Amino acid sequence: MVPGRASARADDLLVLIAHGSTKALAELYDLVAPLLLALLRSRHCTGDQANDALVGAFARIWRTAPNYSPGPHALDWIIDETQENASTGVPGRAA
């Protein structure tokens, strides 16, 4: 998917997630998880830590999606939420 199209699709999905769509969350995961996992692996020592942080990031995205303001910055918002989760050490399974 072209980055601009991915961002536009992520924006649409975040709006749906904010309204409780688990299907949209799964689609967002498929769309951005490889990017986020690479980002997390660059910041964590082990693959297990990165995988746990990824789970935590999606739990955080699920919880905070109602705070998302739609626009062309969806990927930036997702990355910020992922980094915030990683820096606070929020357990992935504590959703």
PDB file of N, CA and C in Angstrom:
ATOM      1  N   MET A   1       0.840  -1.174   0.000  1.00  0.00           N
ATOM      2  CA  MET A   1       0.000   0.000   0.000  1.00  0.00           C
ATOM      3  C   MET A   1       0.895   1.250   0.000  1.00  0.00           C
ATOM      4  N   VAL A   2       0.535   2.231  -0.768  1.00  0.00           N
ATOM      5  CA  VAL A   2       1.273   3.489  -0.847  1.00  0.00           C
ATOM      6  C   VAL A   2       1.134   4.210   0.493  1.00  0.00           C
ATOM      7  N   PRO A   3       2.246   4.812   1.021  1.00  0.00           N
ATOM      8  CA  PRO A   3       2.176   5.440   2.345  1.00  0.00           C
ATOM      9  C   PRO A   3       1.014   6.414   2.527  1.00  0.00           C
ATOM     10  N   GLY A   4       0.728   7.264   1.568  1.00  0.00           N
ATOM     11  CA  GLY A   4      -0.393   8.195   1.696  1.00  0.00           C
ATOM     12  C   GLY A   4      -1.721   7.478   1.803  1.00  0.00           C
ATOM     13  N   ARG A   5      -1.865   6.427   1.038  1.00  0.00           N
ATOM     14  CA  ARG A   5      -3.094   5.628   1.106  1.00  0.00           C
ATOM     15  C   ARG A   5      -3.178   4.881   2.426  1.00  0.00           C
ATOM     16  N   ALA A   6      -2.028   4.400   2.911  1.00  0.00           N
ATOM     17  CA  ALA A   6      -2.015   3.702   4.198  1.00  0.00           C
ATOM     18  C   ALA A   6      -2.436   4.647   5.306  1.00  0.00           C
ATOM     19  N   SER A   7      -1.963   5.891   5.250  1.00  0.00           N
ATOM     20  CA  SER A   7      -2.332   6.860   6.271  1.00  0.00           C
ATOM     21  C   SER A   7      -3.823   7.196   6.197  1.00  0.00           C
ATOM     22  N   ALA A   8      -4.332   7.356   4.993  1.00  0.00           N
ATOM     23  CA  ALA A   8      -5.763   7.642   4.836  1.00  0.00           C
ATOM     24  C   ALA A   8      -6.591   6.462   5.343  1.00  0.00           C
ATOM     25  N   ARG A   9      -6.176   5.245   5.041  1.00  0.00           N
ATOM     26  CA  ARG A   9      -6.910   4.062   5.507  1.00  0.00           C
ATOM     27  C   ARG A   9      -6.811   3.959   7.023  1.00  0.00           C
ATOM     28  N   ALA A  10      -5.619   4.233   7.583  1.00  0.00           N
ATOM     29  CA  ALA A  10      -5.450   4.189   9.030  1.00  0.00           C
ATOM     30  C   ALA A  10      -6.370   5.208   9.696  1.00  0.00           C
ATOM     31  N   ASP A  11      -6.518   6.369   9.093  1.00  0.00           N
ATOM     32  CA  ASP A  11      -7.415   7.398   9.621  1.00  0.00           C
ATOM     33  C   ASP A  11      -8.849   6.862   9.675  1.00  0.00           C
ATOM     34  N   ASP A  12      -9.303   6.278   8.586  1.00  0.00           N
ATOM     35  CA  ASP A  12     -10.650   5.699   8.549  1.00  0.00           C
ATOM     36  C   ASP A  12     -10.817   4.621   9.616  1.00  0.00           C
ATOM     37  N   LEU A  13      -9.806   3.775   9.751  1.00  0.00           N
ATOM     38  CA  LEU A  13      -9.884   2.680  10.715  1.00  0.00           C
ATOM     39  C   LEU A  13      -9.917   3.194  12.148  1.00  0.00           C
ATOM     40  N   LEU A  14      -9.128   4.221  12.445  1.00  0.00           N
ATOM     41  CA  LEU A  14      -9.131   4.777  13.797  1.00  0.00           C
ATOM     42  C   LEU A  14     -10.494   5.339  14.175  1.00  0.00           C
ATOM     43  N   VAL A  15     -11.167   5.943  13.216  1.00  0.00           N
ATOM     44  CA  VAL A  15     -12.518   6.450  13.473  1.00  0.00           C
ATOM     45  C   VAL A  15     -13.451   5.288  13.799  1.00  0.00           C
ATOM     46  N   LEU A  16     -13.339   4.204  13.053  1.00  0.00           N
ATOM     47  CA  LEU A  16     -14.177   3.027  13.310  1.00  0.00           C
ATOM     48  C   LEU A  16     -13.833   2.388  14.655  1.00  0.00           C
ATOM     49  N   ILE A  17     -12.539   2.336  14.979  1.00  0.00           N
ATOM     50  CA  ILE A  17     -12.107   1.782  16.262  1.00  0.00           C
ATOM     51  C   ILE A  17     -12.668   2.621  17.408  1.00  0.00           C
ATOM     52  N   ALA A  18     -12.662   3.927  17.232  1.00  0.00           N
ATOM     53  CA  ALA A  18     -13.213   4.819  18.267  1.00  0.00           C
ATOM     54  C   ALA A  18     -14.681   4.519  18.540  1.00  0.00           C
ATOM     55  N   HIS A  19     -15.355   3.949  17.547  1.00  0.00           N
ATOM     56  CA  HIS A  19     -16.768   3.574  17.705  1.00  0.00           C
ATOM     57  C   HIS A  19     -16.938   2.103  18.065  1.00  0.00           C
ATOM     58  N   GLY A  20     -15.831   1.435  18.418  1.00  0.00           N
ATOM     59  CA  GLY A  20     -15.909   0.076  18.938  1.00  0.00           C
ATOM     60  C   GLY A  20     -15.742  -1.055  17.948  1.00  0.00           C
ATOM     61  N   SER A  21     -15.238  -0.786  16.753  1.00  0.00           N
ATOM     62  CA  SER A  21     -15.096  -1.842  15.749  1.00  0.00           C
ATOM     63  C   SER A  21     -13.827  -2.666  15.968  1.00  0.00           C
ATOM     64  N   THR A  22     -14.020  -3.909  16.398  1.00  0.00           N
ATOM     65  CA  THR A  22     -12.873  -4.802  16.544  1.00  0.00           C
ATOM     66  C   THR A  22     -12.354  -5.245  15.179  1.00  0.00           C
ATOM     67  N   LYS A  23     -13.244  -5.301  14.184  1.00  0.00           N
ATOM     68  CA  LYS A  23     -12.820  -5.636  12.824  1.00  0.00           C
ATOM     69  C   LYS A  23     -11.839  -4.575  12.304  1.00  0.00           C
ATOM     70  N   ALA A  24     -12.121  -3.309  12.576  1.00  0.00           N
ATOM     71  CA  ALA A  24     -11.227  -2.231  12.157  1.00  0.00           C
ATOM     72  C   ALA A  24      -9.894  -2.325  12.890  1.00  0.00           C
ATOM     73  N   LEU A  25      -9.919  -2.716  14.162  1.00  0.00           N
ATOM     74  CA  LEU A  25      -8.676  -2.886  14.913  1.00  0.00           C
ATOM     75  C   LEU A  25      -7.817  -3.979  14.283  1.00  0.00           C
ATOM     76  N   ALA A  26      -8.460  -5.081  13.898  1.00  0.00           N
ATOM     77  CA  ALA A  26      -7.727  -6.168  13.244  1.00  0.00           C
ATOM     78  C   ALA A  26      -7.145  -5.708  11.910  1.00  0.00           C
ATOM     79  N   GLU A  27      -7.910  -4.944  11.161  1.00  0.00           N
ATOM     80  CA  GLU A  27      -7.415  -4.447   9.871  1.00  0.00           C
ATOM     81  C   GLU A  27      -6.264  -3.461  10.073  1.00  0.00           C
ATOM     82  N   LEU A  28      -6.374  -2.611  11.095  1.00  0.00           N
ATOM     83  CA  LEU A  28      -5.282  -1.680  11.392  1.00  0.00           C
ATOM     84  C   LEU A  28      -4.027  -2.447  11.772  1.00  0.00           C
ATOM     85  N   TYR A  29      -4.199  -3.512  12.562  1.00  0.00           N
ATOM     86  CA  TYR A  29      -3.059  -4.349  12.937  1.00  0.00           C
ATOM     87  C   TYR A  29      -2.375  -4.888  11.680  1.00  0.00           C
ATOM     88  N   ASP A  30      -3.144  -5.448  10.773  1.00  0.00           N
ATOM     89  CA  ASP A  30      -2.574  -5.990   9.535  1.00  0.00           C
ATOM     90  C   ASP A  30      -1.850  -4.912   8.732  1.00  0.00           C
ATOM     91  N   LEU A  31      -2.375  -3.697   8.775  1.00  0.00           N
ATOM     92  CA  LEU A  31      -1.823  -2.597   7.999  1.00  0.00           C
ATOM     93  C   LEU A  31      -0.512  -2.069   8.572  1.00  0.00           C
ATOM     94  N   VAL A  32      -0.435  -1.903   9.897  1.00  0.00           N
ATOM     95  CA  VAL A  32       0.715  -1.194  10.466  1.00  0.00           C
ATOM     96  C   VAL A  32       1.596  -2.010  11.399  1.00  0.00           C
ATOM     97  N   ALA A  33       1.199  -3.202  11.775  1.00  0.00           N
ATOM     98  CA  ALA A  33       2.000  -3.985  12.728  1.00  0.00           C
ATOM     99  C   ALA A  33       3.442  -4.211  12.262  1.00  0.00           C
ATOM    100  N   PRO A  34       3.689  -4.529  10.984  1.00  0.00           N
ATOM    101  CA  PRO A  34       5.088  -4.719  10.589  1.00  0.00           C
ATOM    102  C   PRO A  34       5.948  -3.464  10.812  1.00  0.00           C
ATOM    103  N   LEU A  35       5.402  -2.305  10.508  1.00  0.00           N
ATOM    104  CA  LEU A  35       6.119  -1.053  10.731  1.00  0.00           C
ATOM    105  C   LEU A  35       6.369  -0.829  12.221  1.00  0.00           C
ATOM    106  N   LEU A  36       5.345  -1.020  13.032  1.00  0.00           N
ATOM    107  CA  LEU A  36       5.479  -0.795  14.468  1.00  0.00           C
ATOM    108  C   LEU A  36       6.426  -1.796  15.104  1.00  0.00           C
ATOM    109  N   LEU A  37       6.378  -3.037  14.661  1.00  0.00           N
ATOM    110  CA  LEU A  37       7.268  -4.053  15.209  1.00  0.00           C
ATOM    111  C   LEU A  37       8.723  -3.711  14.898  1.00  0.00           C
ATOM    112  N   ALA A  38       8.998  -3.237  13.691  1.00  0.00           N
ATOM    113  CA  ALA A  38      10.363  -2.818  13.343  1.00  0.00           C
ATOM    114  C   ALA A  38      10.803  -1.653  14.224  1.00  0.00           C
ATOM    115  N   LEU A  39       9.912  -0.706  14.453  1.00  0.00           N
ATOM    116  CA  LEU A  39      10.213   0.429  15.324  1.00  0.00           C
ATOM    117  C   LEU A  39      10.518  -0.049  16.741  1.00  0.00           C
ATOM    118  N   LEU A  40       9.682  -0.926  17.264  1.00  0.00           N
ATOM    119  CA  LEU A  40       9.866  -1.430  18.620  1.00  0.00           C
ATOM    120  C   LEU A  40      11.126  -2.278  18.749  1.00  0.00           C
ATOM    121  N   ARG A  41      11.417  -3.071  17.751  1.00  0.00           N
ATOM    122  CA  ARG A  41      12.642  -3.893  17.801  1.00  0.00           C
ATOM    123  C   ARG A  41      13.887  -3.033  17.816  1.00  0.00           C
ATOM    124  N   SER A  42      13.803  -1.867  17.220  1.00  0.00           N
ATOM    125  CA  SER A  42      14.961  -0.980  17.230  1.00  0.00           C
ATOM    126  C   SER A  42      15.171  -0.365  18.620  1.00  0.00           C
ATOM    127  N   ARG A  43      14.177  -0.485  19.508  1.00  0.00           N
ATOM    128  CA  ARG A  43      14.255   0.115  20.846  1.00  0.00           C
ATOM    129  C   ARG A  43      14.298  -0.910  21.973  1.00  0.00           C
ATOM    130  N   HIS A  44      14.088  -2.168  21.678  1.00  0.00           N
ATOM    131  CA  HIS A  44      14.052  -3.206  22.712  1.00  0.00           C
ATOM    132  C   HIS A  44      15.138  -4.238  22.448  1.00  0.00           C
ATOM    133  N   CYS A  45      15.578  -4.871  23.516  1.00  0.00           N
ATOM    134  CA  CYS A  45      16.667  -5.841  23.417  1.00  0.00           C
ATOM    135  C   CYS A  45      16.259  -7.149  22.754  1.00  0.00           C
ATOM    136  N   THR A  46      15.055  -7.628  23.023  1.00  0.00           N
ATOM    137  CA  THR A  46      14.668  -8.935  22.514  1.00  0.00           C
ATOM    138  C   THR A  46      13.404  -8.855  21.674  1.00  0.00           C
ATOM    139  N   GLY A  47      13.234  -9.862  20.856  1.00  0.00           N
ATOM    140  CA  GLY A  47      12.016  -9.952  20.061  1.00  0.00           C
ATOM    141  C   GLY A  47      10.784 -10.097  20.932  1.00  0.00           C
ATOM    142  N   ASP A  48      10.910 -10.825  22.060  1.00  0.00           N
ATOM    143  CA  ASP A  48       9.771 -11.002  22.963  1.00  0.00           C
ATOM    144  C   ASP A  48       9.326  -9.673  23.557  1.00  0.00           C
ATOM    145  N   GLN A  49      10.276  -8.832  23.933  1.00  0.00           N
ATOM    146  CA  GLN A  49       9.927  -7.520  24.488  1.00  0.00           C
ATOM    147  C   GLN A  49       9.218  -6.676  23.432  1.00  0.00           C
ATOM    148  N   ALA A  50       9.709  -6.729  22.203  1.00  0.00           N
ATOM    149  CA  ALA A  50       9.078  -5.966  21.123  1.00  0.00           C
ATOM    150  C   ALA A  50       7.670  -6.480  20.850  1.00  0.00           C
ATOM    151  N   ASN A  51       7.512  -7.798  20.854  1.00  0.00           N
ATOM    152  CA  ASN A  51       6.178  -8.376  20.628  1.00  0.00           C
ATOM    153  C   ASN A  51       5.214  -7.983  21.745  1.00  0.00           C
ATOM    154  N   ASP A  52       5.679  -8.027  22.993  1.00  0.00           N
ATOM    155  CA  ASP A  52       4.830  -7.610  24.112  1.00  0.00           C
ATOM    156  C   ASP A  52       4.463  -6.134  23.993  1.00  0.00           C
ATOM    157  N   ALA A  53       5.426  -5.313  23.600  1.00  0.00           N
ATOM    158  CA  ALA A  53       5.165  -3.879  23.444  1.00  0.00           C
ATOM    159  C   ALA A  53       4.163  -3.633  22.313  1.00  0.00           C
ATOM    160  N   LEU A  54       4.225  -4.453  21.255  1.00  0.00           N
ATOM    161  CA  LEU A  54       3.276  -4.309  20.150  1.00  0.00           C
ATOM    162  C   LEU A  54       1.855  -4.626  20.620  1.00  0.00           C
ATOM    163  N   VAL A  55       1.709  -5.677  21.387  1.00  0.00           N
ATOM    164  CA  VAL A  55       0.399  -6.020  21.944  1.00  0.00           C
ATOM    165  C   VAL A  55      -0.094  -4.866  22.822  1.00  0.00           C
ATOM    166  N   GLY A  56       0.804  -4.344  23.638  1.00  0.00           N
ATOM    167  CA  GLY A  56       0.454  -3.215  24.497  1.00  0.00           C
ATOM    168  C   GLY A  56       0.070  -1.979  23.708  1.00  0.00           C
ATOM    169  N   ALA A  57       0.763  -1.755  22.602  1.00  0.00           N
ATOM    170  CA  ALA A  57       0.464  -0.600  21.756  1.00  0.00           C
ATOM    171  C   ALA A  57      -0.944  -0.700  21.188  1.00  0.00           C
ATOM    172  N   PHE A  58      -1.342  -1.883  20.746  1.00  0.00           N
ATOM    173  CA  PHE A  58      -2.687  -2.028  20.197  1.00  0.00           C
ATOM    174  C   PHE A  58      -3.756  -1.960  21.285  1.00  0.00           C
ATOM    175  N   ALA A  59      -3.429  -2.408  22.480  1.00  0.00           N
ATOM    176  CA  ALA A  59      -4.365  -2.229  23.594  1.00  0.00           C
ATOM    177  C   ALA A  59      -4.530  -0.735  23.878  1.00  0.00           C
ATOM    178  N   ARG A  60      -3.432   0.001  23.834  1.00  0.00           N
ATOM    179  CA  ARG A  60      -3.487   1.451  24.062  1.00  0.00           C
ATOM    180  C   ARG A  60      -4.261   2.141  22.934  1.00  0.00           C
ATOM    181  N   ILE A  61      -4.011   1.739  21.700  1.00  0.00           N
ATOM    182  CA  ILE A  61      -4.740   2.317  20.566  1.00  0.00           C
ATOM    183  C   ILE A  61      -6.238   2.074  20.734  1.00  0.00           C
ATOM    184  N   TRP A  62      -6.611   0.884  21.152  1.00  0.00           N
ATOM    185  CA  TRP A  62      -8.029   0.561  21.378  1.00  0.00           C
ATOM    186  C   TRP A  62      -8.629   1.495  22.430  1.00  0.00           C
ATOM    187  N   ARG A  63      -7.886   1.681  23.532  1.00  0.00           N
ATOM    188  CA  ARG A  63      -8.396   2.514  24.632  1.00  0.00           C
ATOM    189  C   ARG A  63      -8.436   3.998  24.280  1.00  0.00           C
ATOM    190  N   THR A  64      -7.472   4.461  23.511  1.00  0.00           N
ATOM    191  CA  THR A  64      -7.351   5.904  23.283  1.00  0.00           C
ATOM    192  C   THR A  64      -7.919   6.363  21.943  1.00  0.00           C
ATOM    193  N   ALA A  65      -8.383   5.463  21.109  1.00  0.00           N
ATOM    194  CA  ALA A  65      -8.935   5.851  19.802  1.00  0.00           C
ATOM    195  C   ALA A  65     -10.036   6.901  19.915  1.00  0.00           C
ATOM    196  N   PRO A  66     -10.876   6.880  20.960  1.00  0.00           N
ATOM    197  CA  PRO A  66     -11.881   7.949  21.050  1.00  0.00           C
ATOM    198  C   PRO A  66     -11.271   9.353  21.180  1.00  0.00           C
ATOM    199  N   ASN A  67     -10.008   9.440  21.555  1.00  0.00           N
ATOM    200  CA  ASN A  67      -9.332  10.736  21.667  1.00  0.00           C
ATOM    201  C   ASN A  67      -8.698  11.184  20.351  1.00  0.00           C
ATOM    202  N   TYR A  68      -8.691  10.321  19.364  1.00  0.00           N
ATOM    203  CA  TYR A  68      -8.064  10.620  18.080  1.00  0.00           C
ATOM    204  C   TYR A  68      -8.884  11.659  17.315  1.00  0.00           C
ATOM    205  N   SER A  69      -8.191  12.665  16.776  1.00  0.00           N
ATOM    206  CA  SER A  69      -8.840  13.677  15.925  1.00  0.00           C
ATOM    207  C   SER A  69      -8.529  13.347  14.475  1.00  0.00           C
ATOM    208  N   PRO A  70      -9.517  12.955  13.699  1.00  0.00           N
ATOM    209  CA  PRO A  70      -9.282  12.550  12.312  1.00  0.00           C
ATOM    210  C   PRO A  70      -8.525  13.609  11.508  1.00  0.00           C
ATOM    211  N   GLY A  71      -7.700  13.099  10.618  1.00  0.00           N
ATOM    212  CA  GLY A  71      -6.915  13.971   9.748  1.00  0.00           C
ATOM    213  C   GLY A  71      -5.796  13.202   9.085  1.00  0.00           C
ATOM    214  N   PRO A  72      -4.909  13.911   8.424  1.00  0.00           N
ATOM    215  CA  PRO A  72      -3.856  13.247   7.656  1.00  0.00           C
ATOM    216  C   PRO A  72      -2.690  12.737   8.496  1.00  0.00           C
ATOM    217  N   HIS A  73      -2.811  12.767   9.788  1.00  0.00           N
ATOM    218  CA  HIS A  73      -1.704  12.421  10.682  1.00  0.00           C
ATOM    219  C   HIS A  73      -1.895  11.069  11.385  1.00  0.00           C
ATOM    220  N   ALA A  74      -2.681  10.184  10.838  1.00  0.00           N
ATOM    221  CA  ALA A  74      -3.019   8.924  11.512  1.00  0.00           C
ATOM    222  C   ALA A  74      -1.786   8.101  11.867  1.00  0.00           C
ATOM    223  N   LEU A  75      -0.870   7.941  10.923  1.00  0.00           N
ATOM    224  CA  LEU A  75       0.318   7.135  11.214  1.00  0.00           C
ATOM    225  C   LEU A  75       1.168   7.779  12.298  1.00  0.00           C
ATOM    226  N   ASP A  76       1.277   9.096  12.293  1.00  0.00           N
ATOM    227  CA  ASP A  76       2.019   9.781  13.354  1.00  0.00           C
ATOM    228  C   ASP A  76       1.367   9.515  14.710  1.00  0.00           C
ATOM    229  N   TRP A  77       0.040   9.578  14.759  1.00  0.00           N
ATOM    230  CA  TRP A  77      -0.678   9.341  16.004  1.00  0.00           C
ATOM    231  C   TRP A  77      -0.446   7.912  16.484  1.00  0.00           C
ATOM    232  N   ILE A  78      -0.513   6.962  15.576  1.00  0.00           N
ATOM    233  CA  ILE A  78      -0.308   5.548  15.930  1.00  0.00           C
ATOM    234  C   ILE A  78       1.106   5.340  16.460  1.00  0.00           C
ATOM    235  N   ILE A  79       2.087   5.924  15.796  1.00  0.00           N
ATOM    236  CA  ILE A  79       3.474   5.787  16.241  1.00  0.00           C
ATOM    237  C   ILE A  79       3.654   6.448  17.604  1.00  0.00           C
ATOM    238  N   ASP A  80       3.064   7.615  17.807  1.00  0.00           N
ATOM    239  CA  ASP A  80       3.148   8.277  19.114  1.00  0.00           C
ATOM    240  C   ASP A  80       2.537   7.410  20.208  1.00  0.00           C
ATOM    241  N   GLU A  81       1.384   6.816  19.941  1.00  0.00           N
ATOM    242  CA  GLU A  81       0.743   5.948  20.930  1.00  0.00           C
ATOM    243  C   GLU A  81       1.613   4.725  21.212  1.00  0.00           C
ATOM    244  N   THR A  82       2.248   4.205  20.188  1.00  0.00           N
ATOM    245  CA  THR A  82       3.122   3.040  20.349  1.00  0.00           C
ATOM    246  C   THR A  82       4.334   3.397  21.191  1.00  0.00           C
ATOM    247  N   GLN A  83       4.943   4.541  20.900  1.00  0.00           N
ATOM    248  CA  GLN A  83       6.115   4.967  21.662  1.00  0.00           C
ATOM    249  C   GLN A  83       5.750   5.294  23.101  1.00  0.00           C
ATOM    250  N   GLU A  84       4.594   5.895  23.300  1.00  0.00           N
ATOM    251  CA  GLU A  84       4.136   6.204  24.658  1.00  0.00           C
ATOM    252  C   GLU A  84       3.954   4.913  25.446  1.00  0.00           C
ATOM    253  N   ASN A  85       3.352   3.925  24.822  1.00  0.00           N
ATOM    254  CA  ASN A  85       3.160   2.638  25.482  1.00  0.00           C
ATOM    255  C   ASN A  85       4.511   2.015  25.835  1.00  0.00           C
ATOM    256  N   ALA A  86       5.447   2.044  24.896  1.00  0.00           N
ATOM    257  CA  ALA A  86       6.751   1.445  25.126  1.00  0.00           C
ATOM    258  C   ALA A  86       7.512   2.174  26.233  1.00  0.00           C
ATOM    259  N   SER A  87       7.379   3.488  26.279  1.00  0.00           N
ATOM    260  CA  SER A  87       8.134   4.254  27.276  1.00  0.00           C
ATOM    261  C   SER A  87       7.538   4.143  28.674  1.00  0.00           C
ATOM    262  N   THR A  88       6.225   3.914  28.779  1.00  0.00           N
ATOM    263  CA  THR A  88       5.611   3.788  30.094  1.00  0.00           C
ATOM    264  C   THR A  88       5.639   2.361  30.591  1.00  0.00           C
ATOM    265  N   GLY A  89       5.938   1.420  29.701  1.00  0.00           N
ATOM    266  CA  GLY A  89       6.003   0.027  30.113  1.00  0.00           C
ATOM    267  C   GLY A  89       4.656  -0.564  30.462  1.00  0.00           C
ATOM    268  N   VAL A  90       3.600  -0.029  29.880  1.00  0.00           N
ATOM    269  CA  VAL A  90       2.257  -0.549  30.134  1.00  0.00           C
ATOM    270  C   VAL A  90       2.184  -1.979  29.617  1.00  0.00           C
ATOM    271  N   PRO A  91       1.829  -2.926  30.461  1.00  0.00           N
ATOM    272  CA  PRO A  91       1.733  -4.305  29.989  1.00  0.00           C
ATOM    273  C   PRO A  91       0.702  -4.461  28.880  1.00  0.00           C
ATOM    274  N   GLY A  92       1.027  -5.243  27.887  1.00  0.00           N
ATOM    275  CA  GLY A  92       0.153  -5.418  26.748  1.00  0.00           C
ATOM    276  C   GLY A  92      -1.157  -6.085  27.078  1.00  0.00           C
ATOM    277  N   ARG A  93      -1.164  -6.904  28.065  1.00  0.00           N
ATOM    278  CA  ARG A  93      -2.371  -7.657  28.365  1.00  0.00           C
ATOM    279  C   ARG A  93      -3.231  -6.994  29.431  1.00  0.00           C
ATOM    280  N   ALA A  94      -2.922  -5.762  29.787  1.00  0.00           N
ATOM    281  CA  ALA A  94      -3.677  -5.074  30.821  1.00  0.00           C
ATOM    282  C   ALA A  94      -4.798  -4.223  30.248  1.00  0.00           C
ATOM    283  N   ALA A  95      -5.221  -4.519  29.030  1.00  0.00           N
ATOM    284  CA  ALA A  95      -6.291  -3.746  28.386  1.00  0.00           C
ATOM    285  C   ALA A  95      -7.555  -4.000  29.124  1.00  0.00           C
TER     286      ALA A  95
END
